[in-house]
Amino acid sequence: MNRSKFFLIVGALIILTPVFVYAQPRPPSVPVPLDGGLLALLAAGAVFGARKIKNTEA
């Protein structure tokens, strides 16, 4: 009984600790522009995926 209480208390602390601990304040609500870097990553992923599909069909 003593061991199960210990694990229950430790488990509750592990689960509830992130709710009470904040390492940094909330980020500002300034929108981040999605520009060429994201588009380049999407294009590279599309090319990579198309190439993988083409190689597996042969």
C-alpha atoms as a PDB file:
ATOM      1  CA  MET A   1       0.000   0.000   0.000  1.00  0.00           C
ATOM      2  CA  ASN A   2       2.837   2.375   0.849  1.00  0.00           C
ATOM      3  CA  ARG A   3       4.559   1.830  -2.502  1.00  0.00           C
ATOM      4  CA  SER A   4       1.396   2.454  -4.506  1.00  0.00           C
ATOM      5  CA  LYS A   5       0.793   5.723  -2.627  1.00  0.00           C
ATOM      6  CA  PHE A   6       4.330   6.800  -3.458  1.00  0.00           C
ATOM      7  CA  PHE A   7       3.843   6.119  -7.183  1.00  0.00           C
ATOM      8  CA  LEU A   8       0.474   7.852  -7.125  1.00  0.00           C
ATOM      9  CA  ILE A   9       1.930  10.981  -5.531  1.00  0.00           C
ATOM     10  CA  VAL A  10       4.992  11.030  -7.815  1.00  0.00           C
ATOM     11  CA  GLY A  11       2.808  10.468 -10.886  1.00  0.00           C
ATOM     12  CA  ALA A  12       0.471  13.289  -9.889  1.00  0.00           C
ATOM     13  CA  LEU A  13       3.437  15.628  -9.359  1.00  0.00           C
ATOM     14  CA  ILE A  14       4.904  14.747 -12.742  1.00  0.00           C
ATOM     15  CA  ILE A  15       1.587  15.335 -14.486  1.00  0.00           C
ATOM     16  CA  LEU A  16       0.641  18.529 -12.630  1.00  0.00           C
ATOM     17  CA  THR A  17       4.041  20.262 -12.471  1.00  0.00           C
ATOM     18  CA  PRO A  18       3.958  21.690 -16.040  1.00  0.00           C
ATOM     19  CA  VAL A  19       0.641  23.365 -15.243  1.00  0.00           C
ATOM     20  CA  PHE A  20       2.217  25.427 -12.466  1.00  0.00           C
ATOM     21  CA  VAL A  21       5.686  26.036 -13.949  1.00  0.00           C
ATOM     22  CA  TYR A  22       6.136  28.532 -16.754  1.00  0.00           C
ATOM     23  CA  ALA A  23       9.707  29.056 -17.909  1.00  0.00           C
ATOM     24  CA  GLN A  24       8.968  31.967 -20.217  1.00  0.00           C
ATOM     25  CA  PRO A  25       6.189  34.498 -20.640  1.00  0.00           C
ATOM     26  CA  ARG A  26       3.729  34.100 -23.479  1.00  0.00           C
ATOM     27  CA  PRO A  27       5.118  35.134 -26.855  1.00  0.00           C
ATOM     28  CA  PRO A  28       3.860  38.390 -28.341  1.00  0.00           C
ATOM     29  CA  SER A  29       0.960  38.107 -30.744  1.00  0.00           C
ATOM     30  CA  VAL A  30       2.885  39.506 -33.695  1.00  0.00           C
ATOM     31  CA  PRO A  31       2.188  37.409 -36.808  1.00  0.00           C
ATOM     32  CA  VAL A  32       5.200  35.725 -38.380  1.00  0.00           C
ATOM     33  CA  PRO A  33       5.425  36.073 -42.160  1.00  0.00           C
ATOM     34  CA  LEU A  34       5.650  32.823 -44.103  1.00  0.00           C
ATOM     35  CA  ASP A  35       7.927  33.592 -47.006  1.00  0.00           C
ATOM     36  CA  GLY A  36      10.400  31.940 -49.354  1.00  0.00           C
ATOM     37  CA  GLY A  37      12.018  29.640 -46.816  1.00  0.00           C
ATOM     38  CA  LEU A  38       8.792  27.770 -46.148  1.00  0.00           C
ATOM     39  CA  LEU A  39       7.961  27.628 -49.833  1.00  0.00           C
ATOM     40  CA  ALA A  40      11.403  26.182 -50.594  1.00  0.00           C
ATOM     41  CA  LEU A  41      10.893  23.473 -47.975  1.00  0.00           C
ATOM     42  CA  LEU A  42       7.465  22.615 -49.386  1.00  0.00           C
ATOM     43  CA  ALA A  43       8.839  22.436 -52.924  1.00  0.00           C
ATOM     44  CA  ALA A  44      11.751  20.230 -51.831  1.00  0.00           C
ATOM     45  CA  GLY A  45       9.340  17.923 -50.008  1.00  0.00           C
ATOM     46  CA  ALA A  46       7.096  17.667 -53.067  1.00  0.00           C
ATOM     47  CA  VAL A  47      10.051  16.835 -55.316  1.00  0.00           C
ATOM     48  CA  PHE A  48      11.365  14.280 -52.831  1.00  0.00           C
ATOM     49  CA  GLY A  49       7.943  12.652 -52.472  1.00  0.00           C
ATOM     50  CA  ALA A  50       7.363  12.511 -56.233  1.00  0.00           C
ATOM     51  CA  ARG A  51      10.784  10.976 -56.726  1.00  0.00           C
ATOM     52  CA  LYS A  52      10.133   8.329 -54.052  1.00  0.00           C
ATOM     53  CA  ILE A  53       6.779   7.443 -55.623  1.00  0.00           C
ATOM     54  CA  LYS A  54       8.346   7.210 -59.084  1.00  0.00           C
ATOM     55  CA  ASN A  55      11.153   4.907 -57.814  1.00  0.00           C
ATOM     56  CA  THR A  56       8.785   2.550 -55.985  1.00  0.00           C
ATOM     57  CA  GLU A  57       6.487   2.072 -59.015  1.00  0.00           C
ATOM     58  CA  ALA A  58       9.264   0.731 -61.226  1.00  0.00           C
END
